Amino acid sequence: MNEAAPAPGALPVASAGPTASHPAFGIGQDGTYTRTGQVLAFLAGLWTMVLFFPLLFVGAILYTKAEEVFKDDPARARKLVSWSWLSVTVAPVLAVAVVIAATLPFR
């Protein structure tokens, strides 16, 4: 309660270390989406919604948790964001591949 408020327009500063200078893909230094990250996240969300709907929720939950912990633990937030990207990009493709492979013997 005795902490001074940041100056208007000041960006929060992440802790010094390797993760502070290298945020997760599509994430800016302040922990928010970059413009490219917003576009790619939207497209990946559509992709996931069409192919494997439950993973859309997994990605959203992981990213929301990453936003909550970014201020205190940027390294953990980076891992959560990476997992959210995997859940909306790679996992739906793998799910479709498994379904196709499972149905091939029946054709």
C-alpha atoms as a PDB file:
ATOM      1  CA  MET A   1       0.000   0.000   0.000  1.00  0.00           C
ATOM      2  CA  ASN A   2       2.993   2.306   0.489  1.00  0.00           C
ATOM      3  CA  GLU A   3       4.341   1.747  -3.026  1.00  0.00           C
ATOM      4  CA  ALA A   4       4.390   4.690  -5.389  1.00  0.00           C
ATOM      5  CA  ALA A   5       2.147   4.508  -8.425  1.00  0.00           C
ATOM      6  CA  PRO A   6       3.926   4.374 -11.795  1.00  0.00           C
ATOM      7  CA  ALA A   7       4.007   7.511 -13.892  1.00  0.00           C
ATOM      8  CA  PRO A   8       1.178   7.811 -16.441  1.00  0.00           C
ATOM      9  CA  GLY A   9       2.145   6.046 -19.657  1.00  0.00           C
ATOM     10  CA  ALA A  10       5.008   4.155 -18.004  1.00  0.00           C
ATOM     11  CA  LEU A  11       5.316   0.510 -18.953  1.00  0.00           C
ATOM     12  CA  PRO A  12       5.847  -2.126 -16.268  1.00  0.00           C
ATOM     13  CA  VAL A  13       9.412  -3.384 -16.190  1.00  0.00           C
ATOM     14  CA  ALA A  14       9.998  -7.128 -16.131  1.00  0.00           C
ATOM     15  CA  SER A  15      12.702  -8.581 -13.943  1.00  0.00           C
ATOM     16  CA  ALA A  16      16.153  -8.616 -15.454  1.00  0.00           C
ATOM     17  CA  GLY A  17      17.174 -11.923 -16.916  1.00  0.00           C
ATOM     18  CA  PRO A  18      17.024 -13.929 -20.102  1.00  0.00           C
ATOM     19  CA  THR A  19      13.214 -14.069 -20.212  1.00  0.00           C
ATOM     20  CA  ALA A  20      12.807 -10.321 -19.797  1.00  0.00           C
ATOM     21  CA  SER A  21      14.505  -9.646 -23.124  1.00  0.00           C
ATOM     22  CA  HIS A  22      12.952 -12.623 -24.942  1.00  0.00           C
ATOM     23  CA  PRO A  23       9.214 -12.818 -24.314  1.00  0.00           C
ATOM     24  CA  ALA A  24       7.183 -15.646 -25.783  1.00  0.00           C
ATOM     25  CA  PHE A  25       6.133 -15.598 -29.427  1.00  0.00           C
ATOM     26  CA  GLY A  26       3.648 -12.788 -30.142  1.00  0.00           C
ATOM     27  CA  ILE A  27       4.115 -11.147 -26.735  1.00  0.00           C
ATOM     28  CA  GLY A  28       5.641  -7.697 -26.214  1.00  0.00           C
ATOM     29  CA  GLN A  29       8.049  -6.647 -23.473  1.00  0.00           C
ATOM     30  CA  ASP A  30       5.130  -5.498 -21.310  1.00  0.00           C
ATOM     31  CA  GLY A  31       3.426  -8.904 -21.441  1.00  0.00           C
ATOM     32  CA  THR A  32       0.657  -7.969 -23.888  1.00  0.00           C
ATOM     33  CA  TYR A  33       0.045  -9.240 -27.408  1.00  0.00           C
ATOM     34  CA  THR A  34       1.845  -7.547 -30.270  1.00  0.00           C
ATOM     35  CA  ARG A  35      -0.244  -6.687 -33.348  1.00  0.00           C
ATOM     36  CA  THR A  36       1.176  -9.727 -35.170  1.00  0.00           C
ATOM     37  CA  GLY A  37       0.489 -11.863 -32.108  1.00  0.00           C
ATOM     38  CA  GLN A  38      -3.141 -10.706 -32.046  1.00  0.00           C
ATOM     39  CA  VAL A  39      -3.677 -11.582 -35.708  1.00  0.00           C
ATOM     40  CA  LEU A  40      -1.955 -14.959 -35.439  1.00  0.00           C
ATOM     41  CA  ALA A  41      -3.783 -15.821 -32.209  1.00  0.00           C
ATOM     42  CA  PHE A  42      -7.107 -15.008 -33.867  1.00  0.00           C
ATOM     43  CA  LEU A  43      -6.305 -17.152 -36.911  1.00  0.00           C
ATOM     44  CA  ALA A  44      -4.985 -19.992 -34.757  1.00  0.00           C
ATOM     45  CA  GLY A  45      -8.127 -19.794 -32.618  1.00  0.00           C
ATOM     46  CA  LEU A  46     -10.309 -20.138 -35.723  1.00  0.00           C
ATOM     47  CA  TRP A  47      -8.156 -23.038 -36.920  1.00  0.00           C
ATOM     48  CA  THR A  48      -8.513 -24.784 -33.568  1.00  0.00           C
ATOM     49  CA  MET A  49     -12.237 -24.088 -33.330  1.00  0.00           C
ATOM     50  CA  VAL A  50     -12.811 -25.804 -36.671  1.00  0.00           C
ATOM     51  CA  LEU A  51     -10.508 -28.771 -36.076  1.00  0.00           C
ATOM     52  CA  PHE A  52     -10.583 -29.520 -32.372  1.00  0.00           C
ATOM     53  CA  PHE A  53     -12.864 -27.318 -30.305  1.00  0.00           C
ATOM     54  CA  PRO A  54     -11.845 -28.322 -26.728  1.00  0.00           C
ATOM     55  CA  LEU A  55      -8.252 -27.192 -27.326  1.00  0.00           C
ATOM     56  CA  LEU A  56      -9.509 -23.663 -27.882  1.00  0.00           C
ATOM     57  CA  PHE A  57     -10.449 -23.556 -24.197  1.00  0.00           C
ATOM     58  CA  VAL A  58      -7.124 -25.065 -23.140  1.00  0.00           C
ATOM     59  CA  GLY A  59      -5.240 -22.361 -25.037  1.00  0.00           C
ATOM     60  CA  ALA A  60      -7.425 -19.612 -23.581  1.00  0.00           C
ATOM     61  CA  ILE A  61      -6.995 -20.874 -20.021  1.00  0.00           C
ATOM     62  CA  LEU A  62      -3.220 -21.190 -20.397  1.00  0.00           C
ATOM     63  CA  TYR A  63      -2.879 -17.688 -21.821  1.00  0.00           C
ATOM     64  CA  THR A  64      -5.119 -16.188 -19.132  1.00  0.00           C
ATOM     65  CA  LYS A  65      -2.990 -17.815 -16.449  1.00  0.00           C
ATOM     66  CA  ALA A  66       0.146 -16.473 -18.188  1.00  0.00           C
ATOM     67  CA  GLU A  67      -1.246 -12.937 -17.993  1.00  0.00           C
ATOM     68  CA  GLU A  68      -1.854 -13.376 -14.272  1.00  0.00           C
ATOM     69  CA  VAL A  69       1.677 -14.584 -13.459  1.00  0.00           C
ATOM     70  CA  PHE A  70       3.651 -12.398 -15.912  1.00  0.00           C
ATOM     71  CA  LYS A  71       4.363  -9.646 -13.380  1.00  0.00           C
ATOM     72  CA  ASP A  72       5.731 -12.024 -10.732  1.00  0.00           C
ATOM     73  CA  ASP A  73       7.261 -14.818 -12.825  1.00  0.00           C
ATOM     74  CA  PRO A  74       7.965 -13.953 -16.492  1.00  0.00           C
ATOM     75  CA  ALA A  75       9.717 -17.292 -17.103  1.00  0.00           C
ATOM     76  CA  ARG A  76       6.646 -19.272 -16.063  1.00  0.00           C
ATOM     77  CA  ALA A  77       4.392 -16.951 -18.056  1.00  0.00           C
ATOM     78  CA  ARG A  78       6.567 -17.531 -21.129  1.00  0.00           C
ATOM     79  CA  LYS A  79       6.182 -21.309 -20.755  1.00  0.00           C
ATOM     80  CA  LEU A  80       2.404 -20.987 -20.359  1.00  0.00           C
ATOM     81  CA  VAL A  81       2.158 -18.824 -23.487  1.00  0.00           C
ATOM     82  CA  SER A  82       4.257 -21.338 -25.426  1.00  0.00           C
ATOM     83  CA  TRP A  83       1.946 -24.157 -24.338  1.00  0.00           C
ATOM     84  CA  SER A  84      -1.100 -22.090 -25.302  1.00  0.00           C
ATOM     85  CA  TRP A  85       0.363 -21.570 -28.796  1.00  0.00           C
ATOM     86  CA  LEU A  86       1.011 -25.315 -29.081  1.00  0.00           C
ATOM     87  CA  SER A  87      -2.535 -26.128 -28.025  1.00  0.00           C
ATOM     88  CA  VAL A  88      -4.029 -23.965 -30.787  1.00  0.00           C
ATOM     89  CA  THR A  89      -1.576 -24.806 -33.586  1.00  0.00           C
ATOM     90  CA  VAL A  90       0.158 -28.175 -33.375  1.00  0.00           C
ATOM     91  CA  ALA A  91      -2.316 -30.173 -31.285  1.00  0.00           C
ATOM     92  CA  PRO A  92      -5.303 -29.771 -33.671  1.00  0.00           C
ATOM     93  CA  VAL A  93      -3.176 -30.986 -36.583  1.00  0.00           C
ATOM     94  CA  LEU A  94      -2.079 -33.995 -34.547  1.00  0.00           C
ATOM     95  CA  ALA A  95      -5.691 -34.706 -33.560  1.00  0.00           C
ATOM     96  CA  VAL A  96      -6.793 -34.684 -37.207  1.00  0.00           C
ATOM     97  CA  ALA A  97      -3.840 -36.896 -38.169  1.00  0.00           C
ATOM     98  CA  VAL A  98      -4.790 -39.422 -35.474  1.00  0.00           C
ATOM     99  CA  VAL A  99      -8.415 -39.490 -36.652  1.00  0.00           C
ATOM    100  CA  ILE A 100      -7.350 -39.978 -40.277  1.00  0.00           C
ATOM    101  CA  ALA A 101      -4.859 -42.697 -39.315  1.00  0.00           C
ATOM    102  CA  ALA A 102      -7.504 -44.451 -37.224  1.00  0.00           C
ATOM    103  CA  THR A 103     -10.026 -44.469 -40.088  1.00  0.00           C
ATOM    104  CA  LEU A 104      -7.624 -45.596 -42.854  1.00  0.00           C
ATOM    105  CA  PRO A 105      -8.000 -49.324 -42.117  1.00  0.00           C
ATOM    106  CA  PHE A 106     -11.765 -48.993 -42.573  1.00  0.00           C
ATOM    107  CA  ARG A 107     -11.617 -47.525 -46.090  1.00  0.00           C
END
